[in-house]
Amino acid sequence: MNSMGDSKRIFIDSGVWIALFDDHPGASQAERILENNAERYCSLLTLYEVLRYYQQRKPKEVEYVGGQIKNRSKLIGLDEGIVFHALQLKLRHPQFSTVDALSLATARKLNATLVTRDSDFKGIADTRVIKTE
């Protein structure tokens, strides 16, 4: 498992963004991670997940949150290699959702550490699970 010192690139999962903007458990740790000098990435799927969360709960904040994510990270789309790698990850880790598998595959393509609040990633290489307490 990489620590933040081992990776100059981080791929930020939806739960980390939501923790940050909604001051959920892990928000202070998320803020410290985003303040470091690492290259920050976010997938278009993650952007969708976060914006959908806000659309359902705080629709007036959708534009603000979307702008913050775009300003604080580089948005990445999917390609065929990511899709096929995600399929293999899902076979090895059935606990992953489809988006989880796609996120880890994308992070690995970028040689980035996936930063998440999702405990399904505990013990998985190339990830950092931030505390939710």
C-alpha atoms as a PDB file:
ATOM      1  CA  MET A   1       0.000   0.000   0.000  1.00  0.00           C
ATOM      2  CA  ASN A   2       1.387   3.398  -0.949  1.00  0.00           C
ATOM      3  CA  SER A   3       1.544   6.214   1.528  1.00  0.00           C
ATOM      4  CA  MET A   4       1.046   9.734   0.293  1.00  0.00           C
ATOM      5  CA  GLY A   5       4.804  10.232   0.366  1.00  0.00           C
ATOM      6  CA  ASP A   6       5.293   7.449  -2.173  1.00  0.00           C
ATOM      7  CA  SER A   7       3.037   8.915  -4.846  1.00  0.00           C
ATOM      8  CA  LYS A   8       3.180  12.304  -6.461  1.00  0.00           C
ATOM      9  CA  ARG A   9      -0.177  11.567  -8.082  1.00  0.00           C
ATOM     10  CA  ILE A  10      -3.462  10.965  -6.317  1.00  0.00           C
ATOM     11  CA  PHE A  11      -6.811   9.888  -7.682  1.00  0.00           C
ATOM     12  CA  ILE A  12      -9.624  11.187  -5.485  1.00  0.00           C
ATOM     13  CA  ASP A  13     -12.747   9.075  -4.923  1.00  0.00           C
ATOM     14  CA  SER A  14     -16.253  10.504  -4.475  1.00  0.00           C
ATOM     15  CA  GLY A  15     -16.390   9.821  -0.730  1.00  0.00           C
ATOM     16  CA  VAL A  16     -13.330  12.010  -0.166  1.00  0.00           C
ATOM     17  CA  TRP A  17     -14.889  14.944  -2.032  1.00  0.00           C
ATOM     18  CA  ILE A  18     -18.167  14.547  -0.151  1.00  0.00           C
ATOM     19  CA  ALA A  19     -16.349  14.338   3.193  1.00  0.00           C
ATOM     20  CA  LEU A  20     -14.515  17.523   2.338  1.00  0.00           C
ATOM     21  CA  PHE A  21     -17.497  19.588   1.201  1.00  0.00           C
ATOM     22  CA  ASP A  22     -19.978  18.275   3.790  1.00  0.00           C
ATOM     23  CA  ASP A  23     -17.554  18.157   6.725  1.00  0.00           C
ATOM     24  CA  HIS A  24     -18.126  14.424   7.162  1.00  0.00           C
ATOM     25  CA  PRO A  25     -15.744  12.215   9.156  1.00  0.00           C
ATOM     26  CA  GLY A  26     -12.388  12.311   7.405  1.00  0.00           C
ATOM     27  CA  ALA A  27     -12.829  15.920   6.200  1.00  0.00           C
ATOM     28  CA  SER A  28      -9.691  17.261   7.886  1.00  0.00           C
ATOM     29  CA  GLN A  29      -7.628  14.388   6.510  1.00  0.00           C
ATOM     30  CA  ALA A  30      -9.118  14.966   3.034  1.00  0.00           C
ATOM     31  CA  GLU A  31      -8.200  18.648   3.226  1.00  0.00           C
ATOM     32  CA  ARG A  32      -4.590  17.841   4.184  1.00  0.00           C
ATOM     33  CA  ILE A  33      -4.335  15.418   1.270  1.00  0.00           C
ATOM     34  CA  LEU A  34      -5.681  17.992  -1.169  1.00  0.00           C
ATOM     35  CA  GLU A  35      -3.286  20.631   0.163  1.00  0.00           C
ATOM     36  CA  ASN A  36      -0.178  18.601  -0.656  1.00  0.00           C
ATOM     37  CA  ASN A  37       1.695  19.141  -3.911  1.00  0.00           C
ATOM     38  CA  ALA A  38       0.576  15.922  -5.582  1.00  0.00           C
ATOM     39  CA  GLU A  39      -1.008  15.946  -9.007  1.00  0.00           C
ATOM     40  CA  ARG A  40      -4.725  15.432  -8.329  1.00  0.00           C
ATOM     41  CA  TYR A  41      -7.063  13.460 -10.601  1.00  0.00           C
ATOM     42  CA  CYS A  42     -10.773  12.712 -10.578  1.00  0.00           C
ATOM     43  CA  SER A  43     -12.785  10.642 -13.035  1.00  0.00           C
ATOM     44  CA  LEU A  44     -15.824  11.911 -14.843  1.00  0.00           C
ATOM     45  CA  LEU A  45     -17.731   9.058 -13.153  1.00  0.00           C
ATOM     46  CA  THR A  46     -16.639  10.327  -9.742  1.00  0.00           C
ATOM     47  CA  LEU A  47     -17.687  13.840 -10.701  1.00  0.00           C
ATOM     48  CA  TYR A  48     -21.087  12.451 -11.663  1.00  0.00           C
ATOM     49  CA  GLU A  49     -21.409  10.550  -8.358  1.00  0.00           C
ATOM     50  CA  VAL A  50     -20.593  13.649  -6.319  1.00  0.00           C
ATOM     51  CA  LEU A  51     -22.863  15.947  -8.319  1.00  0.00           C
ATOM     52  CA  ARG A  52     -25.702  13.432  -8.120  1.00  0.00           C
ATOM     53  CA  TYR A  53     -25.254  13.306  -4.334  1.00  0.00           C
ATOM     54  CA  TYR A  54     -25.576  17.099  -4.176  1.00  0.00           C
ATOM     55  CA  GLN A  55     -28.416  17.222  -6.687  1.00  0.00           C
ATOM     56  CA  GLN A  56     -30.428  14.966  -4.358  1.00  0.00           C
ATOM     57  CA  ARG A  57     -29.476  16.636  -1.070  1.00  0.00           C
ATOM     58  CA  LYS A  58     -28.290  20.198  -1.699  1.00  0.00           C
ATOM     59  CA  PRO A  59     -29.191  21.180  -5.267  1.00  0.00           C
ATOM     60  CA  LYS A  60     -28.096  24.794  -4.804  1.00  0.00           C
ATOM     61  CA  GLU A  61     -24.511  23.589  -4.213  1.00  0.00           C
ATOM     62  CA  VAL A  62     -24.130  21.502  -7.401  1.00  0.00           C
ATOM     63  CA  GLU A  63     -22.421  24.232  -9.448  1.00  0.00           C
ATOM     64  CA  TYR A  64     -20.117  25.253  -6.607  1.00  0.00           C
ATOM     65  CA  VAL A  65     -19.040  21.682  -5.847  1.00  0.00           C
ATOM     66  CA  GLY A  66     -18.554  20.863  -9.526  1.00  0.00           C
ATOM     67  CA  GLY A  67     -16.424  23.971  -9.965  1.00  0.00           C
ATOM     68  CA  GLN A  68     -14.306  23.114  -6.929  1.00  0.00           C
ATOM     69  CA  ILE A  69     -13.634  19.592  -8.182  1.00  0.00           C
ATOM     70  CA  LYS A  70     -12.702  20.880 -11.650  1.00  0.00           C
ATOM     71  CA  ASN A  71     -10.412  23.535 -10.134  1.00  0.00           C
ATOM     72  CA  ARG A  72      -8.731  21.155  -7.696  1.00  0.00           C
ATOM     73  CA  SER A  73      -8.185  18.135  -9.959  1.00  0.00           C
ATOM     74  CA  LYS A  74      -7.735  17.044 -13.539  1.00  0.00           C
ATOM     75  CA  LEU A  75     -10.788  15.204 -14.890  1.00  0.00           C
ATOM     76  CA  ILE A  76     -10.139  11.852 -16.569  1.00  0.00           C
ATOM     77  CA  GLY A  77     -12.424   9.795 -18.818  1.00  0.00           C
ATOM     78  CA  LEU A  78     -12.530   6.078 -19.474  1.00  0.00           C
ATOM     79  CA  ASP A  79     -10.828   4.166 -22.227  1.00  0.00           C
ATOM     80  CA  GLU A  80     -10.864   0.547 -23.321  1.00  0.00           C
ATOM     81  CA  GLY A  81      -7.766  -0.357 -21.290  1.00  0.00           C
ATOM     82  CA  ILE A  82      -9.334   0.989 -18.101  1.00  0.00           C
ATOM     83  CA  VAL A  83     -12.546  -0.938 -18.758  1.00  0.00           C
ATOM     84  CA  PHE A  84     -10.748  -4.251 -19.289  1.00  0.00           C
ATOM     85  CA  HIS A  85      -8.514  -3.732 -16.255  1.00  0.00           C
ATOM     86  CA  ALA A  86     -11.615  -2.932 -14.169  1.00  0.00           C
ATOM     87  CA  LEU A  87     -13.220  -6.187 -15.293  1.00  0.00           C
ATOM     88  CA  GLN A  88     -10.205  -8.109 -13.967  1.00  0.00           C
ATOM     89  CA  LEU A  89     -10.255  -6.163 -10.708  1.00  0.00           C
ATOM     90  CA  LYS A  90     -13.946  -6.923 -10.218  1.00  0.00           C
ATOM     91  CA  LEU A  91     -13.261 -10.650 -10.660  1.00  0.00           C
ATOM     92  CA  ARG A  92     -10.480 -10.557  -8.050  1.00  0.00           C
ATOM     93  CA  HIS A  93     -12.375  -8.252  -5.684  1.00  0.00           C
ATOM     94  CA  PRO A  94     -16.114  -8.993  -5.887  1.00  0.00           C
ATOM     95  CA  GLN A  95     -16.766  -6.542  -3.045  1.00  0.00           C
ATOM     96  CA  PHE A  96     -15.976  -3.664  -5.431  1.00  0.00           C
ATOM     97  CA  SER A  97     -18.810  -1.826  -7.095  1.00  0.00           C
ATOM     98  CA  THR A  98     -18.439  -1.209 -10.820  1.00  0.00           C
ATOM     99  CA  VAL A  99     -17.394   2.391 -10.167  1.00  0.00           C
ATOM    100  CA  ASP A 100     -14.887   1.245  -7.518  1.00  0.00           C
ATOM    101  CA  ALA A 101     -13.241  -1.114  -9.999  1.00  0.00           C
ATOM    102  CA  LEU A 102     -13.176   1.585 -12.681  1.00  0.00           C
ATOM    103  CA  SER A 103     -11.703   4.088 -10.209  1.00  0.00           C
ATOM    104  CA  LEU A 104      -8.869   1.792  -9.160  1.00  0.00           C
ATOM    105  CA  ALA A 105      -8.159   0.851 -12.780  1.00  0.00           C
ATOM    106  CA  THR A 106      -8.004   4.531 -13.703  1.00  0.00           C
ATOM    107  CA  ALA A 107      -5.731   5.356 -10.776  1.00  0.00           C
ATOM    108  CA  ARG A 108      -3.387   2.536 -11.741  1.00  0.00           C
ATOM    109  CA  LYS A 109      -3.274   3.688 -15.359  1.00  0.00           C
ATOM    110  CA  LEU A 110      -2.186   7.104 -14.060  1.00  0.00           C
ATOM    111  CA  ASN A 111       0.344   5.578 -11.624  1.00  0.00           C
ATOM    112  CA  ALA A 112      -1.597   7.331  -8.890  1.00  0.00           C
ATOM    113  CA  THR A 113      -2.681   6.361  -5.395  1.00  0.00           C
ATOM    114  CA  LEU A 114      -6.450   6.019  -5.073  1.00  0.00           C
ATOM    115  CA  VAL A 115      -7.567   8.033  -2.043  1.00  0.00           C
ATOM    116  CA  THR A 116     -10.913   6.831  -0.722  1.00  0.00           C
ATOM    117  CA  ARG A 117     -13.094   6.511   2.372  1.00  0.00           C
ATOM    118  CA  ASP A 118     -14.361   3.106   1.212  1.00  0.00           C
ATOM    119  CA  SER A 119     -13.226   0.326   3.557  1.00  0.00           C
ATOM    120  CA  ASP A 120     -13.557  -2.209   0.695  1.00  0.00           C
ATOM    121  CA  PHE A 121     -10.128  -0.963  -0.395  1.00  0.00           C
ATOM    122  CA  LYS A 122      -8.328  -1.772   2.878  1.00  0.00           C
ATOM    123  CA  GLY A 123      -5.223  -3.805   2.102  1.00  0.00           C
ATOM    124  CA  ILE A 124      -5.429  -3.179  -1.662  1.00  0.00           C
ATOM    125  CA  ALA A 125      -2.219  -2.002  -3.333  1.00  0.00           C
ATOM    126  CA  ASP A 126      -2.103   1.541  -4.708  1.00  0.00           C
ATOM    127  CA  THR A 127      -4.810   2.813  -2.347  1.00  0.00           C
ATOM    128  CA  ARG A 128      -5.077   4.912   0.776  1.00  0.00           C
ATOM    129  CA  VAL A 129      -8.219   4.630   2.876  1.00  0.00           C
ATOM    130  CA  ILE A 130      -8.761   7.699   5.018  1.00  0.00           C
ATOM    131  CA  LYS A 131     -10.325   7.331   8.423  1.00  0.00           C
ATOM    132  CA  THR A 132     -14.038   7.953   8.737  1.00  0.00           C
ATOM    133  CA  GLU A 133     -14.035   8.459  12.501  1.00  0.00           C
END
